[in-house]
Amino acid sequence: MQWVKIEADTVHKYQGREKDLIIIATTDNQSNDFIDDSKMLNVAITRAKKQLKLIVSYEVCHKQNTNINDFIRYITYQSAKPIESKVYSIFDLLYKANAQARALYLKGKKRISQFDSENIAFAFIKDILQQDSYRSLDVLPHIPLAKVIKIDETLTQEERFYAQNPLTHFDFIIYHIMDKAPLLAIEIDGYAFHHTCKQLNRDKLKDSICKKHNFPLLRLSTTQSGEDKRVTDMLQALFY
């Protein structure tokens, strides 16, 4: 196996340096003076020796009279082909630029959390369960772990202590309506929160507890995509 060193940094840190491949990500869904600054864009573009990839949102790509739009037009003219991603994430609604779309999506829907990531996830899971295939299932938020999994001798002392904590819960439990039997746990992992050392340890404990009791746990990160397919694939595997 050949290891490839990947380096991530700001444009400023690459001034005067070169790399065979440069990937530029604007990190904002909307065009603004910062990401469209001609000098910074020039530095970013000219750092690539062999390949350059530019990742932008649809809005940034099609914003007229901008430096980025002019550059995209130029590389398209030079026979480079822009590729539109076919994979989306429900958590794209969390971006500040999508505040209006987020409010519209959540309008009239039940809010179960102070975190919009969980409100969005709850609404999207409810939408999935409206399908005829899953009419015998429903979802509940914030269910204590000890109400779902038996705390027994298979768990370590640390796992038992964690499981018995009244604050330890699953973000969502999908269950059978007829007998209330839990089918699947879903956790929503916000990147900043779930990458702290303390939370990473809690996540490992929860994963271990579920694994020891053969209870399915699906983690949905707010930095990933394709949540609809991941949930439906898991339901298909468990339900049929």
Protein backbone atom coordinates (compact mmCIF):
# COMPACT_ATOMS: atom_id res chain seq x y z
CA MET A 1 0.00 0.00 0.00
CA GLN A 2 1.33 3.41 -0.95
CA TRP A 3 0.55 6.19 1.51
CA VAL A 4 -0.32 9.62 0.10
CA LYS A 5 0.31 12.66 2.25
CA ILE A 6 -2.58 15.11 2.11
CA GLU A 7 -2.13 18.62 3.43
CA ALA A 8 -5.02 20.98 4.17
CA ASP A 9 -4.56 24.68 4.84
CA THR A 10 -5.70 28.19 3.93
CA VAL A 11 -4.73 29.91 0.69
CA HIS A 12 -2.39 32.23 2.58
CA LYS A 13 -0.26 29.30 3.77
CA TYR A 14 0.33 28.14 0.19
CA GLN A 15 1.71 31.42 -1.16
CA GLY A 16 5.11 30.72 -2.68
CA ARG A 17 4.58 26.95 -2.59
CA GLU A 18 3.46 24.36 -5.17
CA LYS A 19 1.72 20.98 -5.14
CA ASP A 20 1.07 18.44 -7.90
CA LEU A 21 -2.64 18.51 -7.10
CA ILE A 22 -4.53 21.39 -5.55
CA ILE A 23 -8.18 21.12 -4.47
CA ILE A 24 -9.84 24.47 -3.81
CA ALA A 25 -13.04 24.50 -1.71
CA THR A 26 -14.76 27.84 -1.13
CA THR A 27 -16.44 26.57 2.11
CA ASP A 28 -19.38 28.96 1.59
CA ASN A 29 -22.56 28.41 -0.41
CA GLN A 30 -22.80 32.07 -1.39
CA SER A 31 -20.36 34.26 -3.29
CA ASN A 32 -18.79 37.05 -1.27
CA ASP A 33 -15.82 39.43 -1.42
CA PHE A 34 -13.63 37.06 0.59
CA ILE A 35 -13.90 33.92 -1.52
CA ASP A 36 -14.03 35.94 -4.77
CA ASP A 37 -10.94 38.01 -4.01
CA SER A 38 -8.92 38.06 -7.23
CA LYS A 39 -5.51 38.00 -5.51
CA MET A 40 -6.35 35.02 -3.30
CA LEU A 41 -7.95 33.19 -6.21
CA ASN A 42 -4.82 33.81 -8.27
CA VAL A 43 -2.61 32.39 -5.50
CA ALA A 44 -4.83 29.31 -5.13
CA ILE A 45 -4.99 28.61 -8.86
CA THR A 46 -1.27 29.02 -9.55
CA ARG A 47 -0.17 26.62 -6.78
CA ALA A 48 -1.11 23.55 -8.86
CA LYS A 49 1.64 21.92 -10.92
CA LYS A 50 -0.35 19.11 -12.58
CA GLN A 51 -4.01 19.16 -11.55
CA LEU A 52 -6.45 21.67 -10.12
CA LYS A 53 -9.94 20.88 -8.81
CA LEU A 54 -12.38 23.62 -7.79
CA ILE A 55 -15.32 22.73 -5.51
CA VAL A 56 -18.10 25.32 -5.32
CA SER A 57 -21.84 25.40 -4.70
CA TYR A 58 -24.33 25.89 -7.52
CA GLU A 59 -24.95 29.45 -6.35
CA VAL A 60 -21.25 30.37 -6.40
CA CYS A 61 -20.72 28.64 -9.75
CA HIS A 62 -23.55 30.53 -11.47
CA LYS A 63 -23.12 33.91 -9.81
CA GLN A 64 -22.53 36.32 -12.70
CA ASN A 65 -19.80 38.97 -12.90
CA THR A 66 -17.50 37.27 -10.38
CA ASN A 67 -13.90 36.16 -10.63
CA ILE A 68 -14.82 32.55 -9.85
CA ASN A 69 -17.51 32.51 -12.55
CA ASP A 70 -15.04 33.97 -15.06
CA PHE A 71 -12.49 31.28 -14.14
CA ILE A 72 -15.08 28.50 -14.53
CA ARG A 73 -16.02 29.88 -17.95
CA TYR A 74 -12.35 29.94 -18.92
CA ILE A 75 -11.59 26.35 -17.90
CA THR A 76 -14.84 25.20 -19.56
CA TYR A 77 -13.70 26.94 -22.77
CA GLN A 78 -10.38 25.09 -22.44
CA SER A 79 -12.32 21.78 -22.62
CA ALA A 80 -12.51 21.08 -18.89
CA LYS A 81 -15.92 19.69 -17.95
CA PRO A 82 -17.73 20.89 -14.81
CA ILE A 83 -19.30 17.99 -12.87
CA GLU A 84 -22.46 18.49 -10.84
CA SER A 85 -22.66 16.31 -7.76
CA LYS A 86 -25.64 13.94 -7.68
CA VAL A 87 -25.32 13.32 -3.94
CA TYR A 88 -27.02 15.64 -1.47
CA SER A 89 -27.31 15.90 2.28
CA ILE A 90 -30.30 16.94 4.38
CA PHE A 91 -27.77 18.67 6.62
CA ASP A 92 -26.92 21.16 3.85
CA LEU A 93 -29.86 23.04 5.36
CA LEU A 94 -27.68 23.78 8.38
CA TYR A 95 -25.48 26.20 6.46
CA LYS A 96 -26.05 29.82 7.44
CA ALA A 97 -26.74 30.69 3.81
CA ASN A 98 -29.63 28.18 3.79
CA ALA A 99 -31.44 29.66 6.79
CA GLN A 100 -34.52 30.51 4.73
CA ALA A 101 -34.70 27.06 3.14
CA ARG A 102 -34.20 25.46 6.58
CA ALA A 103 -37.04 27.50 8.08
CA LEU A 104 -39.29 26.54 5.17
CA TYR A 105 -38.43 22.83 5.54
CA LEU A 106 -39.14 22.85 9.27
CA LYS A 107 -42.29 24.96 9.01
CA GLY A 108 -45.23 23.08 10.48
CA LYS A 109 -43.02 20.18 11.57
CA LYS A 110 -42.59 19.07 15.17
CA ARG A 111 -39.50 20.45 16.88
CA ILE A 112 -37.99 17.94 19.28
CA SER A 113 -34.66 19.59 20.02
CA GLN A 114 -32.82 22.87 20.49
CA PHE A 115 -30.52 21.67 17.69
CA ASP A 116 -31.80 22.09 14.14
CA SER A 117 -29.67 19.12 13.04
CA GLU A 118 -31.91 16.86 15.16
CA ASN A 119 -35.10 18.66 14.08
CA ILE A 120 -34.15 18.19 10.43
CA ALA A 121 -33.26 14.53 11.01
CA PHE A 122 -36.51 13.84 12.86
CA ALA A 123 -38.56 15.36 10.03
CA PHE A 124 -36.69 13.43 7.36
CA ILE A 125 -36.97 10.11 9.24
CA LYS A 126 -40.72 10.70 9.68
CA ASP A 127 -40.97 11.31 5.93
CA ILE A 128 -39.23 7.98 5.19
CA LEU A 129 -41.56 6.11 7.56
CA GLN A 130 -44.59 7.53 5.72
CA GLN A 131 -43.82 5.13 2.87
CA ASP A 132 -46.11 2.09 2.65
CA SER A 133 -43.14 -0.25 3.17
CA TYR A 134 -42.65 1.11 6.70
CA ARG A 135 -46.23 1.80 7.81
CA SER A 136 -45.75 -0.52 10.81
CA LEU A 137 -42.79 1.53 12.08
CA ASP A 138 -42.47 4.84 13.89
CA VAL A 139 -39.72 6.93 15.47
CA LEU A 140 -39.20 8.51 18.89
CA PRO A 141 -36.50 11.02 19.88
CA HIS A 142 -34.21 11.06 22.91
CA ILE A 143 -34.82 7.61 24.37
CA PRO A 144 -32.64 6.67 27.39
CA LEU A 145 -30.18 3.92 26.50
CA ALA A 146 -31.12 1.93 29.61
CA LYS A 147 -34.73 1.75 28.35
CA VAL A 148 -33.57 0.01 25.18
CA ILE A 149 -30.58 -2.14 26.14
CA LYS A 150 -30.27 -4.37 29.18
CA ILE A 151 -27.46 -3.40 31.53
CA ASP A 152 -25.90 -6.77 32.37
CA GLU A 153 -22.62 -8.54 33.03
CA THR A 154 -21.57 -8.40 29.38
CA LEU A 155 -20.77 -4.71 29.88
CA THR A 156 -17.62 -3.38 31.49
CA GLN A 157 -17.84 -1.26 34.61
CA GLU A 158 -17.26 1.88 32.55
CA GLU A 159 -19.97 0.87 30.08
CA ARG A 160 -22.47 0.14 32.87
CA PHE A 161 -21.76 3.48 34.52
CA TYR A 162 -22.25 5.27 31.20
CA ALA A 163 -25.40 3.32 30.31
CA GLN A 164 -27.02 4.00 33.69
CA ASN A 165 -26.51 7.75 33.43
CA PRO A 166 -29.99 9.27 32.92
CA LEU A 167 -28.51 11.69 30.37
CA THR A 168 -27.25 8.85 28.17
CA HIS A 169 -29.76 8.46 25.35
CA PHE A 170 -30.22 7.59 21.69
CA ASP A 171 -31.07 10.54 19.47
CA PHE A 172 -33.73 8.44 17.69
CA ILE A 173 -35.22 4.99 18.02
CA ILE A 174 -37.19 3.47 15.16
CA TYR A 175 -39.57 0.86 16.58
CA HIS A 176 -42.40 -1.50 15.67
CA ILE A 177 -45.75 0.15 16.40
CA MET A 178 -47.56 -3.05 17.36
CA ASP A 179 -45.29 -4.31 20.14
CA LYS A 180 -43.03 -1.25 20.66
CA ALA A 181 -39.94 -3.39 20.00
CA PRO A 182 -36.96 -1.21 19.02
CA LEU A 183 -35.54 -1.91 15.58
CA LEU A 184 -32.81 0.67 15.00
CA ALA A 185 -31.04 3.51 16.81
CA ILE A 186 -29.92 6.59 14.88
CA GLU A 187 -27.35 9.07 16.16
CA ILE A 188 -26.79 12.54 14.67
CA ASP A 189 -23.12 13.44 14.89
CA GLY A 190 -22.42 17.15 14.62
CA TYR A 191 -18.80 17.49 13.55
CA ALA A 192 -17.58 20.05 16.12
CA PHE A 193 -19.33 18.42 19.09
CA HIS A 194 -18.58 14.80 18.24
CA HIS A 195 -14.88 15.41 17.59
CA THR A 196 -14.08 16.44 21.16
CA CYS A 197 -12.12 13.84 23.14
CA LYS A 198 -14.84 13.48 25.76
CA GLN A 199 -17.61 12.94 23.22
CA LEU A 200 -15.51 10.57 21.13
CA ASN A 201 -15.09 8.38 24.20
CA ARG A 202 -18.85 8.46 24.87
CA ASP A 203 -19.52 7.48 21.27
CA LYS A 204 -17.12 4.55 21.55
CA LEU A 205 -18.86 3.37 24.72
CA LYS A 206 -22.27 3.57 23.07
CA ASP A 207 -21.01 1.75 19.98
CA SER A 208 -19.49 -0.99 22.13
CA ILE A 209 -22.66 -1.45 24.19
CA CYS A 210 -24.79 -1.76 21.06
CA LYS A 211 -22.35 -4.19 19.46
CA LYS A 212 -22.32 -6.46 22.53
CA HIS A 213 -26.13 -6.65 22.43
CA ASN A 214 -26.37 -6.91 18.62
CA PHE A 215 -28.47 -3.78 18.50
CA PRO A 216 -28.16 -1.84 15.21
CA LEU A 217 -26.86 1.72 15.50
CA LEU A 218 -26.58 4.04 12.52
CA ARG A 219 -24.56 7.24 12.81
CA LEU A 220 -25.35 10.14 10.50
CA SER A 221 -22.66 12.80 10.42
CA THR A 222 -23.64 16.35 9.50
CA THR A 223 -20.56 16.48 7.25
CA GLN A 224 -21.56 13.47 5.13
CA SER A 225 -24.34 12.96 2.59
CA GLY A 226 -26.79 10.40 1.22
CA GLU A 227 -28.67 10.02 4.50
CA ASP A 228 -31.91 8.90 2.84
CA LYS A 229 -30.20 5.93 1.14
CA ARG A 230 -28.26 4.98 4.25
CA VAL A 231 -31.40 4.88 6.41
CA THR A 232 -33.53 3.05 3.84
CA ASP A 233 -30.72 0.53 3.15
CA MET A 234 -30.47 -0.18 6.88
CA LEU A 235 -34.24 -0.55 7.22
CA GLN A 236 -34.35 -2.88 4.22
CA ALA A 237 -31.64 -5.06 5.79
CA LEU A 238 -33.37 -5.21 9.19
CA PHE A 239 -37.02 -5.24 8.19
CA TYR A 240 -37.01 -7.85 5.42
